[in-house]
Amino acid sequence: MSGLFDVLVICAVVALLVVRQFSAQRVGDERRWWLLPVVLTLVALKNDGVLDPRHEAMSGAMLGAGLLVGLVTGAGWGWTARLWQEPDASVWSRGTKATFFVWAAGMGLRVSLAAVTLALGIHQGTGALLVSLAAMLLARSGVLVLRARELREQYGVAVGVAAGVMPPTPSQSMGKGRA
């Protein structure tokens, strides 16, 4: 039953990724941006299929390569997304054509890694794919949160405004830094 559950989780995550890529999503400064990757990692690690006990070194190397592909794909996804700020200081993102190509290349690399793993006779199961997806989501979310903070600071809107903390008024900040 856990194999079916893993397949359903992977399908749900891929559907979530596709929806997130092509629709506008609010980028928050919330602290929960890492929660989904952690949950995926925990689901992956509860199974014994992350590493092949007969080929531990090679399956570890392939898992590391999958993590690297996930991190690079997620970072590329985050850096190629278009960000904009609304009048209420909220920051939104949407994938671009470049985002699609980064995402497609990452998926292609992940499928290639799976093919190499099978050709070498290594059996990793779905856990390795879930860990790679978790790394991709973690990198994407982290990059988007960092870019959103930079955008708010660049346009003079303090990060706290989105959280309801008002910046000082111009009269309160006048005269600062003058001797």
Protein backbone atom coordinates (compact mmCIF):
# COMPACT_ATOMS: atom_id res chain seq x y z
CA MET A 1 0.00 0.00 0.00
CA SER A 2 2.87 2.43 0.66
CA GLY A 3 3.97 2.21 -2.99
CA LEU A 4 0.52 3.33 -4.13
CA PHE A 5 0.55 6.10 -1.51
CA ASP A 6 3.95 7.31 -2.74
CA VAL A 7 2.75 7.37 -6.35
CA LEU A 8 -0.31 9.39 -5.31
CA VAL A 9 1.86 11.83 -3.35
CA ILE A 10 4.22 12.26 -6.31
CA CYS A 11 1.28 12.86 -8.70
CA ALA A 12 -0.22 15.41 -6.30
CA VAL A 13 3.10 17.23 -5.91
CA VAL A 14 3.70 17.35 -9.68
CA ALA A 15 0.16 18.69 -10.20
CA LEU A 16 0.82 21.30 -7.51
CA LEU A 17 4.09 22.26 -9.21
CA VAL A 18 2.44 22.71 -12.60
CA VAL A 19 -0.37 24.83 -11.13
CA ARG A 20 2.12 26.94 -9.18
CA GLN A 21 4.27 27.46 -12.23
CA PHE A 22 1.58 28.87 -14.49
CA SER A 23 -0.63 30.77 -12.06
CA ALA A 24 0.06 33.83 -9.97
CA GLN A 25 1.00 32.94 -6.42
CA ARG A 26 1.43 35.28 -3.49
CA VAL A 27 4.94 35.16 -2.08
CA GLY A 28 4.77 35.60 1.65
CA ASP A 29 7.39 36.23 4.24
CA GLU A 30 5.81 33.55 6.34
CA ARG A 31 7.93 31.00 8.06
CA ARG A 32 6.08 28.01 6.63
CA TRP A 33 7.68 28.09 3.17
CA TRP A 34 9.80 25.08 4.13
CA LEU A 35 6.92 22.98 5.50
CA LEU A 36 5.92 21.07 2.33
CA PRO A 37 9.53 20.06 1.54
CA VAL A 38 9.95 18.78 5.11
CA VAL A 39 6.73 16.76 4.89
CA LEU A 40 7.81 15.26 1.55
CA THR A 41 11.20 14.37 3.00
CA LEU A 42 9.59 12.69 6.01
CA VAL A 43 7.26 10.69 3.74
CA ALA A 44 10.29 9.65 1.66
CA LEU A 45 12.37 8.65 4.66
CA LYS A 46 9.63 6.56 6.28
CA ASN A 47 10.13 4.06 3.46
CA ASP A 48 13.19 1.88 3.12
CA GLY A 49 13.46 2.54 -0.64
CA VAL A 50 15.64 5.66 -0.52
CA LEU A 51 18.90 3.68 -0.69
CA ASP A 52 19.48 0.26 -2.22
CA PRO A 53 21.06 -1.94 0.50
CA ARG A 54 22.93 -3.96 -2.16
CA HIS A 55 24.49 -0.84 -3.73
CA GLU A 56 24.66 1.67 -0.89
CA ALA A 57 27.56 3.75 -2.24
CA MET A 58 26.18 4.04 -5.77
CA SER A 59 22.61 4.62 -4.64
CA GLY A 60 23.90 7.30 -2.25
CA ALA A 61 25.74 8.95 -5.13
CA MET A 62 22.61 8.83 -7.29
CA LEU A 63 20.54 10.23 -4.42
CA GLY A 64 23.08 13.05 -4.07
CA ALA A 65 22.89 13.73 -7.79
CA GLY A 66 19.09 13.80 -7.55
CA LEU A 67 19.29 16.26 -4.66
CA LEU A 68 21.66 18.45 -6.66
CA VAL A 69 19.35 18.38 -9.68
CA GLY A 70 16.43 19.26 -7.42
CA LEU A 71 18.25 22.16 -5.77
CA VAL A 72 19.53 23.59 -9.06
CA THR A 73 16.13 23.21 -10.74
CA GLY A 74 14.34 24.82 -7.81
CA ALA A 75 16.80 27.72 -7.65
CA GLY A 76 16.50 28.24 -11.41
CA TRP A 77 12.73 28.09 -11.12
CA GLY A 78 12.79 30.72 -8.39
CA TRP A 79 15.21 33.03 -10.23
CA THR A 80 13.36 32.93 -13.55
CA ALA A 81 9.91 33.60 -12.09
CA ARG A 82 8.49 37.09 -12.61
CA LEU A 83 7.90 39.00 -9.37
CA TRP A 84 5.79 42.10 -8.89
CA GLN A 85 4.46 44.08 -5.99
CA GLU A 86 0.85 45.13 -5.54
CA PRO A 87 -0.21 48.45 -3.97
CA ASP A 88 -0.95 46.65 -0.69
CA ALA A 89 2.77 45.67 -0.53
CA SER A 90 2.08 42.00 -1.29
CA VAL A 91 4.51 40.33 -3.68
CA TRP A 92 3.32 37.92 -6.35
CA SER A 93 5.14 35.55 -8.68
CA ARG A 94 4.36 33.73 -11.90
CA GLY A 95 6.52 31.50 -14.03
CA THR A 96 7.85 32.74 -17.36
CA LYS A 97 8.83 30.87 -20.51
CA ALA A 98 12.35 30.62 -19.10
CA THR A 99 10.86 29.10 -15.93
CA PHE A 100 9.14 26.45 -18.01
CA PHE A 101 12.39 25.54 -19.77
CA VAL A 102 14.31 25.37 -16.47
CA TRP A 103 11.59 23.19 -14.99
CA ALA A 104 11.42 20.93 -18.07
CA ALA A 105 15.22 20.57 -18.17
CA GLY A 106 15.24 19.66 -14.48
CA MET A 107 12.56 17.03 -15.00
CA GLY A 108 14.48 15.69 -17.98
CA LEU A 109 17.64 15.43 -15.86
CA ARG A 110 15.68 13.70 -13.10
CA VAL A 111 14.27 11.15 -15.57
CA SER A 112 17.79 10.63 -16.98
CA LEU A 113 19.10 9.96 -13.49
CA ALA A 114 16.35 7.41 -12.95
CA ALA A 115 17.27 5.71 -16.23
CA VAL A 116 20.97 5.58 -15.27
CA THR A 117 20.03 4.22 -11.86
CA LEU A 118 17.98 1.44 -13.45
CA ALA A 119 20.71 0.68 -16.00
CA LEU A 120 23.20 0.23 -13.15
CA GLY A 121 20.82 -2.19 -11.43
CA ILE A 122 20.19 0.11 -8.48
CA HIS A 123 16.71 0.06 -6.96
CA GLN A 124 15.86 3.26 -5.07
CA GLY A 125 12.09 3.35 -5.07
CA THR A 126 9.94 6.46 -4.96
CA GLY A 127 11.62 7.86 -1.85
CA ALA A 128 14.56 9.20 -3.87
CA LEU A 129 12.19 11.04 -6.20
CA LEU A 130 10.28 12.53 -3.25
CA VAL A 131 13.54 13.79 -1.72
CA SER A 132 14.52 15.37 -5.04
CA LEU A 133 11.11 17.04 -5.33
CA ALA A 134 11.43 18.29 -1.76
CA ALA A 135 14.85 19.80 -2.55
CA MET A 136 13.41 21.48 -5.63
CA LEU A 137 10.52 23.00 -3.68
CA LEU A 138 12.79 24.10 -0.86
CA ALA A 139 15.19 25.88 -3.22
CA ARG A 140 12.36 27.51 -5.21
CA SER A 141 10.58 28.77 -2.12
CA GLY A 142 13.78 30.01 -0.52
CA VAL A 143 14.80 31.94 -3.63
CA LEU A 144 11.33 33.46 -4.00
CA VAL A 145 11.24 34.57 -0.35
CA LEU A 146 14.68 36.17 -0.70
CA ARG A 147 13.72 37.91 -3.95
CA ALA A 148 10.46 39.15 -2.42
CA ARG A 149 12.35 40.68 0.50
CA GLU A 150 14.77 42.38 -1.90
CA LEU A 151 11.88 43.70 -3.99
CA ARG A 152 10.15 45.18 -0.96
CA GLU A 153 13.37 46.82 0.20
CA GLN A 154 14.25 48.04 -3.30
CA TYR A 155 10.99 49.91 -3.69
CA GLY A 156 11.08 51.39 -0.22
CA VAL A 157 8.45 49.17 1.33
CA ALA A 158 9.68 47.62 4.52
CA VAL A 159 9.26 43.90 4.87
CA GLY A 160 7.16 44.50 7.97
CA VAL A 161 4.48 46.42 6.01
CA ALA A 162 3.14 43.17 4.59
CA ALA A 163 2.91 41.87 8.15
CA GLY A 164 1.01 44.96 9.31
CA VAL A 165 3.92 46.84 10.87
CA MET A 166 3.93 50.40 9.60
CA PRO A 167 7.22 52.13 8.70
CA PRO A 168 8.07 55.50 10.24
CA THR A 169 6.42 58.50 8.63
CA PRO A 170 8.62 60.94 6.67
CA SER A 171 8.46 63.45 9.55
CA GLN A 172 9.67 60.78 12.00
CA SER A 173 12.62 59.86 9.82
CA MET A 174 13.69 63.43 8.92
CA GLY A 175 16.85 64.64 10.48
CA LYS A 176 18.27 61.16 11.07
CA GLY A 177 21.90 60.83 10.14
CA ARG A 178 22.53 64.59 10.22
CA ALA A 179 24.91 66.14 12.70
